[in-house]
Every structure is written in structure tokens, then in C-alpha cells.
């Protein structure tokens, strides 16, 4: 009599844990993406005058940040 109830409770717990893990991973990756984009925008706004030959351009930095976030996701 209790076995179907325990099975339903176990399935519900597994579903809730999987949902929390998915939401946690997604929110962390979203925060990383937002923080990296905000950091790049502030870097572009407040960048000092530097030589024109930079080791990495802003577009390449932005592309690398997006690729890193996509790899984390």
C-alpha cells in the first residue's frame, strides 16, 4: 500500500532536485554572461588611451567571453 506512495514521493524529489540543479546552473551561467558583458562595457567606456596595436581587440574579447559562457552552459 505504501510502495506506490513512496515511488511517487521519490520521483517528485528527483524531479525537484533536477529542476533546482538546472535552474542553478542556468542562473550562474546567466550571471556570468551579464557580469562579463557589463565588465566589457565599462572597460570600453573607461579605457585609457592606449596604443592602436592592442594584443586583443574589443571584438575578440567579446567573442571569447561569449564562447566561454556558451561552453559553461
PDB file of N, CA and C in Angstrom:
ATOM      1  N   UNK A   1       0.807  -1.190   0.000  1.00  0.00           N
ATOM      2  CA  UNK A   1       0.000   0.000   0.000  1.00  0.00           C
ATOM      3  C   UNK A   1       0.861   1.269   0.000  1.00  0.00           C
ATOM      4  N   UNK A   2       1.955   1.222   0.756  1.00  0.00           N
ATOM      5  CA  UNK A   2       2.808   2.400   0.830  1.00  0.00           C
ATOM      6  C   UNK A   2       3.812   2.470  -0.309  1.00  0.00           C
ATOM      7  N   UNK A   3       4.013   1.356  -1.019  1.00  0.00           N
ATOM      8  CA  UNK A   3       5.030   1.342  -2.070  1.00  0.00           C
ATOM      9  C   UNK A   3       4.711   2.326  -3.204  1.00  0.00           C
ATOM     10  N   UNK A   4       3.484   2.399  -3.733  1.00  0.00           N
ATOM     11  CA  UNK A   4       3.219   3.408  -4.776  1.00  0.00           C
ATOM     12  C   UNK A   4       3.380   4.840  -4.272  1.00  0.00           C
ATOM     13  N   UNK A   5       3.021   5.071  -3.026  1.00  0.00           N
ATOM     14  CA  UNK A   5       3.169   6.414  -2.465  1.00  0.00           C
ATOM     15  C   UNK A   5       4.644   6.771  -2.349  1.00  0.00           C
ATOM     16  N   UNK A   6       5.460   5.823  -1.889  1.00  0.00           N
ATOM     17  CA  UNK A   6       6.897   6.075  -1.779  1.00  0.00           C
ATOM     18  C   UNK A   6       7.524   6.286  -3.151  1.00  0.00           C
ATOM     19  N   UNK A   7       7.052   5.553  -4.146  1.00  0.00           N
ATOM     20  CA  UNK A   7       7.571   5.727  -5.502  1.00  0.00           C
ATOM     21  C   UNK A   7       7.237   7.120  -6.028  1.00  0.00           C
ATOM     22  N   UNK A   8       6.021   7.573  -5.798  1.00  0.00           N
ATOM     23  CA  UNK A   8       5.626   8.914  -6.246  1.00  0.00           C
ATOM     24  C   UNK A   8       6.433   9.981  -5.510  1.00  0.00           C
ATOM     25  N   UNK A   9       6.640   9.783  -4.213  1.00  0.00           N
ATOM     26  CA  UNK A   9       7.433  10.749  -3.438  1.00  0.00           C
ATOM     27  C   UNK A   9       8.873  10.775  -3.940  1.00  0.00           C
ATOM     28  N   UNK A  10       9.438   9.606  -4.222  1.00  0.00           N
ATOM     29  CA  UNK A  10      10.813   9.537  -4.720  1.00  0.00           C
ATOM     30  C   UNK A  10      10.925  10.221  -6.084  1.00  0.00           C
ATOM     31  N   UNK A  11       9.972   9.970  -6.973  1.00  0.00           N
ATOM     32  CA  UNK A  11      10.008  10.612  -8.287  1.00  0.00           C
ATOM     33  C   UNK A  11       9.851  12.125  -8.174  1.00  0.00           C
ATOM     34  N   UNK A  12       9.006  12.570  -7.262  1.00  0.00           N
ATOM     35  CA  UNK A  12       8.828  14.010  -7.058  1.00  0.00           C
ATOM     36  C   UNK A  12      10.104  14.645  -6.525  1.00  0.00           C
ATOM     37  N   UNK A  13      10.760  13.983  -5.585  1.00  0.00           N
ATOM     38  CA  UNK A  13      12.015  14.516  -5.038  1.00  0.00           C
ATOM     39  C   UNK A  13      13.092  14.590  -6.120  1.00  0.00           C
ATOM     40  N   UNK A  14      13.208  13.554  -6.937  1.00  0.00           N
ATOM     41  CA  UNK A  14      14.205  13.559  -8.014  1.00  0.00           C
ATOM     42  C   UNK A  14      13.906  14.681  -9.002  1.00  0.00           C
ATOM     43  N   UNK A  15      12.635  14.858  -9.343  1.00  0.00           N
ATOM     44  CA  UNK A  15      12.250  15.928 -10.262  1.00  0.00           C
ATOM     45  C   UNK A  15      12.577  17.303  -9.683  1.00  0.00           C
ATOM     46  N   UNK A  16      12.295  17.507  -8.404  1.00  0.00           N
ATOM     47  CA  UNK A  16      12.589  18.798  -7.777  1.00  0.00           C
ATOM     48  C   UNK A  16      14.090  19.065  -7.709  1.00  0.00           C
ATOM     49  N   UNK A  17      14.860  18.038  -7.352  1.00  0.00           N
ATOM     50  CA  UNK A  17      16.316  18.207  -7.280  1.00  0.00           C
ATOM     51  C   UNK A  17      16.883  18.520  -8.658  1.00  0.00           C
ATOM     52  N   UNK A  18      16.413  17.792  -9.688  1.00  0.00           N
ATOM     53  CA  UNK A  18      16.895  18.056 -11.047  1.00  0.00           C
ATOM     54  C   UNK A  18      16.506  19.465 -11.499  1.00  0.00           C
ATOM     55  N   UNK A  19      15.301  19.889 -11.147  1.00  0.00           N
ATOM     56  CA  UNK A  19      14.877  21.245 -11.501  1.00  0.00           C
ATOM     57  C   UNK A  19      15.718  22.305 -10.822  1.00  0.00           C
ATOM     58  N   UNK A  20      15.998  22.121  -9.535  1.00  0.00           N
ATOM     59  CA  UNK A  20      16.838  23.089  -8.825  1.00  0.00           C
ATOM     60  C   UNK A  20      18.252  23.122  -9.394  1.00  0.00           C
ATOM     61  N   UNK A  21      18.801  21.959  -9.739  1.00  0.00           N
ATOM     62  CA  UNK A  21      20.138  21.933 -10.334  1.00  0.00           C
ATOM     63  C   UNK A  21      20.152  22.653 -11.674  1.00  0.00           C
ATOM     64  N   UNK A  22      19.145  22.390 -12.503  1.00  0.00           N
ATOM     65  CA  UNK A  22      19.091  23.044 -13.812  1.00  0.00           C
ATOM     66  C   UNK A  22      18.957  24.554 -13.659  1.00  0.00           C
ATOM     67  N   UNK A  23      18.059  24.989 -12.778  1.00  0.00           N
ATOM     68  CA  UNK A  23      17.864  26.426 -12.573  1.00  0.00           C
ATOM     69  C   UNK A  23      19.130  27.054 -11.996  1.00  0.00           C
ATOM     70  N   UNK A  24      19.806  26.352 -11.089  1.00  0.00           N
ATOM     71  CA  UNK A  24      21.037  26.879 -10.510  1.00  0.00           C
ATOM     72  C   UNK A  24      22.140  27.037 -11.533  1.00  0.00           C
ATOM     73  N   UNK A  25      22.350  26.016 -12.364  1.00  0.00           N
ATOM     74  CA  UNK A  25      23.394  26.088 -13.391  1.00  0.00           C
ATOM     75  C   UNK A  25      23.058  27.174 -14.402  1.00  0.00           C
ATOM     76  N   UNK A  26      21.791  27.248 -14.809  1.00  0.00           N
ATOM     77  CA  UNK A  26      21.391  28.259 -15.787  1.00  0.00           C
ATOM     78  C   UNK A  26      21.554  29.665 -15.228  1.00  0.00           C
ATOM     79  N   UNK A  27      21.176  29.870 -13.967  1.00  0.00           N
ATOM     80  CA  UNK A  27      21.278  31.216 -13.396  1.00  0.00           C
ATOM     81  C   UNK A  27      22.735  31.623 -13.201  1.00  0.00           C
ATOM     82  N   UNK A  28      23.588  30.687 -12.816  1.00  0.00           N
ATOM     83  CA  UNK A  28      25.013  31.014 -12.662  1.00  0.00           C
ATOM     84  C   UNK A  28      25.613  31.397 -14.008  1.00  0.00           C
ATOM     85  N   UNK A  29      25.296  30.644 -15.061  1.00  0.00           N
ATOM     86  CA  UNK A  29      25.837  30.977 -16.375  1.00  0.00           C
ATOM     87  C   UNK A  29      25.275  32.304 -16.875  1.00  0.00           C
ATOM     88  N   UNK A  30      24.012  32.583 -16.563  1.00  0.00           N
ATOM     89  CA  UNK A  30      23.427  33.866 -16.961  1.00  0.00           C
ATOM     90  C   UNK A  30      24.102  35.018 -16.225  1.00  0.00           C
ATOM     91  N   UNK A  31      24.362  34.855 -14.929  1.00  0.00           N
ATOM     92  CA  UNK A  31      25.055  35.901 -14.179  1.00  0.00           C
ATOM     93  C   UNK A  31      26.474  36.102 -14.701  1.00  0.00           C
ATOM     94  N   UNK A  32      27.159  35.011 -15.048  1.00  0.00           N
ATOM     95  CA  UNK A  32      28.500  35.157 -15.614  1.00  0.00           C
ATOM     96  C   UNK A  32      28.457  35.933 -16.919  1.00  0.00           C
ATOM     97  N   UNK A  33      27.469  35.629 -17.756  1.00  0.00           N
ATOM     98  CA  UNK A  33      27.347  36.342 -19.024  1.00  0.00           C
ATOM     99  C   UNK A  33      27.057  37.822 -18.786  1.00  0.00           C
ATOM    100  N   UNK A  34      26.145  38.117 -17.859  1.00  0.00           N
ATOM    101  CA  UNK A  34      25.813  39.516 -17.583  1.00  0.00           C
ATOM    102  C   UNK A  34      27.000  40.272 -16.998  1.00  0.00           C
ATOM    103  N   UNK A  35      27.699  39.648 -16.044  1.00  0.00           N
ATOM    104  CA  UNK A  35      28.844  40.319 -15.438  1.00  0.00           C
ATOM    105  C   UNK A  35      29.964  40.530 -16.444  1.00  0.00           C
ATOM    106  N   UNK A  36      30.208  39.544 -17.317  1.00  0.00           N
ATOM    107  CA  UNK A  36      31.265  39.717 -18.310  1.00  0.00           C
ATOM    108  C   UNK A  36      30.894  40.800 -19.310  1.00  0.00           C
ATOM    109  N   UNK A  37      29.617  40.866 -19.704  1.00  0.00           N
ATOM    110  CA  UNK A  37      29.224  41.915 -20.648  1.00  0.00           C
ATOM    111  C   UNK A  37      29.297  43.292 -19.993  1.00  0.00           C
ATOM    112  N   UNK A  38      28.887  43.397 -18.722  1.00  0.00           N
ATOM    113  CA  UNK A  38      28.984  44.680 -18.019  1.00  0.00           C
ATOM    114  C   UNK A  38      30.446  45.088 -17.864  1.00  0.00           C
ATOM    115  N   UNK A  39      31.306  44.133 -17.544  1.00  0.00           N
ATOM    116  CA  UNK A  39      32.730  44.443 -17.401  1.00  0.00           C
ATOM    117  C   UNK A  39      33.324  44.906 -18.728  1.00  0.00           C
ATOM    118  N   UNK A  40      32.921  44.272 -19.818  1.00  0.00           N
ATOM    119  CA  UNK A  40      33.443  44.687 -21.117  1.00  0.00           C
ATOM    120  C   UNK A  40      32.935  46.072 -21.507  1.00  0.00           C
ATOM    121  N   UNK A  41      31.676  46.366 -21.176  1.00  0.00           N
ATOM    122  CA  UNK A  41      31.138  47.694 -21.492  1.00  0.00           C
ATOM    123  C   UNK A  41      31.861  48.770 -20.684  1.00  0.00           C
ATOM    124  N   UNK A  42      32.070  48.527 -19.390  1.00  0.00           N
ATOM    125  CA  UNK A  42      32.783  49.508 -18.575  1.00  0.00           C
ATOM    126  C   UNK A  42      34.236  49.630 -19.015  1.00  0.00           C
ATOM    127  N   UNK A  43      34.832  48.519 -19.427  1.00  0.00           N
ATOM    128  CA  UNK A  43      36.202  48.573 -19.920  1.00  0.00           C
ATOM    129  C   UNK A  43      36.272  49.425 -21.176  1.00  0.00           C
ATOM    130  N   UNK A  44      35.287  49.272 -22.048  1.00  0.00           N
ATOM    131  CA  UNK A  44      35.273  50.064 -23.276  1.00  0.00           C
ATOM    132  C   UNK A  44      35.011  51.536 -22.967  1.00  0.00           C
ATOM    133  N   UNK A  45      34.143  51.819 -22.004  1.00  0.00           N
ATOM    134  CA  UNK A  45      33.814  53.209 -21.692  1.00  0.00           C
ATOM    135  C   UNK A  45      34.967  53.937 -21.012  1.00  0.00           C
ATOM    136  N   UNK A  46      35.624  53.257 -20.077  1.00  0.00           N
ATOM    137  CA  UNK A  46      36.638  53.924 -19.266  1.00  0.00           C
ATOM    138  C   UNK A  46      38.059  53.515 -19.640  1.00  0.00           C
ATOM    139  N   UNK A  47      38.221  53.009 -20.860  1.00  0.00           N
ATOM    140  CA  UNK A  47      39.552  52.570 -21.275  1.00  0.00           C
ATOM    141  C   UNK A  47      40.462  53.787 -21.463  1.00  0.00           C
ATOM    142  N   UNK A  48      41.666  53.682 -20.948  1.00  0.00           N
ATOM    143  CA  UNK A  48      42.617  54.770 -21.124  1.00  0.00           C
ATOM    144  C   UNK A  48      43.100  54.785 -22.565  1.00  0.00           C
ATOM    145  N   UNK A  49      43.731  55.887 -22.914  1.00  0.00           N
ATOM    146  CA  UNK A  49      44.296  55.970 -24.260  1.00  0.00           C
ATOM    147  C   UNK A  49      45.478  55.008 -24.331  1.00  0.00           C
ATOM    148  N   UNK A  50      45.349  54.044 -25.195  1.00  0.00           N
ATOM    149  CA  UNK A  50      46.399  53.042 -25.351  1.00  0.00           C
ATOM    150  C   UNK A  50      46.840  53.039 -26.804  1.00  0.00           C
ATOM    151  N   UNK A  51      47.946  52.419 -27.092  1.00  0.00           N
ATOM    152  CA  UNK A  51      48.382  52.346 -28.492  1.00  0.00           C
ATOM    153  C   UNK A  51      47.339  51.623 -29.352  1.00  0.00           C
ATOM    154  N   UNK A  52      47.375  51.905 -30.628  1.00  0.00           N
ATOM    155  CA  UNK A  52      46.374  51.298 -31.517  1.00  0.00           C
ATOM    156  C   UNK A  52      46.627  49.815 -31.725  1.00  0.00           C
ATOM    157  N   UNK A  53      47.826  49.356 -31.476  1.00  0.00           N
ATOM    158  CA  UNK A  53      48.123  47.928 -31.652  1.00  0.00           C
ATOM    159  C   UNK A  53      47.930  47.222 -30.317  1.00  0.00           C
ATOM    160  N   UNK A  54      46.705  46.872 -30.022  1.00  0.00           N
ATOM    161  CA  UNK A  54      46.404  46.144 -28.792  1.00  0.00           C
ATOM    162  C   UNK A  54      46.608  44.653 -29.024  1.00  0.00           C
ATOM    163  N   UNK A  55      46.980  43.910 -27.981  1.00  0.00           N
ATOM    164  CA  UNK A  55      47.152  42.465 -28.168  1.00  0.00           C
ATOM    165  C   UNK A  55      45.848  41.766 -28.535  1.00  0.00           C
ATOM    166  N   UNK A  56      44.719  42.297 -28.077  1.00  0.00           N
ATOM    167  CA  UNK A  56      43.429  41.695 -28.417  1.00  0.00           C
ATOM    168  C   UNK A  56      42.408  42.822 -28.538  1.00  0.00           C
ATOM    169  N   UNK A  57      41.667  42.824 -29.614  1.00  0.00           N
ATOM    170  CA  UNK A  57      40.694  43.892 -29.817  1.00  0.00           C
ATOM    171  C   UNK A  57      39.455  43.650 -28.957  1.00  0.00           C
ATOM    172  N   UNK A  58      38.600  44.649 -28.902  1.00  0.00           N
ATOM    173  CA  UNK A  58      37.363  44.537 -28.116  1.00  0.00           C
ATOM    174  C   UNK A  58      36.457  43.456 -28.691  1.00  0.00           C
ATOM    175  N   UNK A  59      36.394  43.372 -30.016  1.00  0.00           N
ATOM    176  CA  UNK A  59      35.535  42.356 -30.639  1.00  0.00           C
ATOM    177  C   UNK A  59      36.015  40.947 -30.311  1.00  0.00           C
ATOM    178  N   UNK A  60      37.328  40.736 -30.330  1.00  0.00           N
ATOM    179  CA  UNK A  60      37.853  39.410 -29.992  1.00  0.00           C
ATOM    180  C   UNK A  60      37.605  39.085 -28.523  1.00  0.00           C
ATOM    181  N   UNK A  61      37.749  40.076 -27.655  1.00  0.00           N
ATOM    182  CA  UNK A  61      37.477  39.848 -26.236  1.00  0.00           C
ATOM    183  C   UNK A  61      36.012  39.504 -26.019  1.00  0.00           C
ATOM    184  N   UNK A  62      35.123  40.211 -26.692  1.00  0.00           N
ATOM    185  CA  UNK A  62      33.684  39.952 -26.582  1.00  0.00           C
ATOM    186  C   UNK A  62      33.358  38.557 -27.092  1.00  0.00           C
ATOM    187  N   UNK A  63      33.976  38.169 -28.212  1.00  0.00           N
ATOM    188  CA  UNK A  63      33.740  36.834 -28.770  1.00  0.00           C
ATOM    189  C   UNK A  63      34.236  35.758 -27.809  1.00  0.00           C
ATOM    190  N   UNK A  64      35.405  35.967 -27.218  1.00  0.00           N
ATOM    191  CA  UNK A  64      35.936  34.981 -26.277  1.00  0.00           C
ATOM    192  C   UNK A  64      35.056  34.868 -25.039  1.00  0.00           C
ATOM    193  N   UNK A  65      34.527  35.986 -24.556  1.00  0.00           N
ATOM    194  CA  UNK A  65      33.643  35.941 -23.385  1.00  0.00           C
ATOM    195  C   UNK A  65      32.358  35.191 -23.715  1.00  0.00           C
ATOM    196  N   UNK A  66      31.800  35.433 -24.890  1.00  0.00           N
ATOM    197  CA  UNK A  66      30.576  34.721 -25.272  1.00  0.00           C
ATOM    198  C   UNK A  66      30.844  33.232 -25.454  1.00  0.00           C
ATOM    199  N   UNK A  67      31.994  32.887 -26.048  1.00  0.00           N
ATOM    200  CA  UNK A  67      32.330  31.470 -26.215  1.00  0.00           C
ATOM    201  C   UNK A  67      32.516  30.789 -24.867  1.00  0.00           C
ATOM    202  N   UNK A  68      33.136  31.480 -23.923  1.00  0.00           N
ATOM    203  CA  UNK A  68      33.332  30.910 -22.592  1.00  0.00           C
ATOM    204  C   UNK A  68      31.998  30.660 -21.907  1.00  0.00           C
ATOM    205  N   UNK A  69      31.082  31.614 -22.018  1.00  0.00           N
ATOM    206  CA  UNK A  69      29.770  31.436 -21.393  1.00  0.00           C
ATOM    207  C   UNK A  69      29.010  30.305 -22.062  1.00  0.00           C
ATOM    208  N   UNK A  70      29.097  30.196 -23.384  1.00  0.00           N
ATOM    209  CA  UNK A  70      28.403  29.109 -24.078  1.00  0.00           C
ATOM    210  C   UNK A  70      28.996  27.751 -23.694  1.00  0.00           C
ATOM    211  N   UNK A  71      30.318  27.700 -23.464  1.00  0.00           N
ATOM    212  CA  UNK A  71      30.926  26.439 -23.035  1.00  0.00           C
ATOM    213  C   UNK A  71      30.463  26.079 -21.630  1.00  0.00           C
ATOM    214  N   UNK A  72      30.281  27.083 -20.766  1.00  0.00           N
ATOM    215  CA  UNK A  72      29.806  26.809 -19.411  1.00  0.00           C
ATOM    216  C   UNK A  72      28.372  26.312 -19.444  1.00  0.00           C
ATOM    217  N   UNK A  73      27.558  26.910 -20.326  1.00  0.00           N
ATOM    218  CA  UNK A  73      26.155  26.481 -20.437  1.00  0.00           C
ATOM    219  C   UNK A  73      26.117  25.070 -20.967  1.00  0.00           C
TER     220      UNK A  73
END
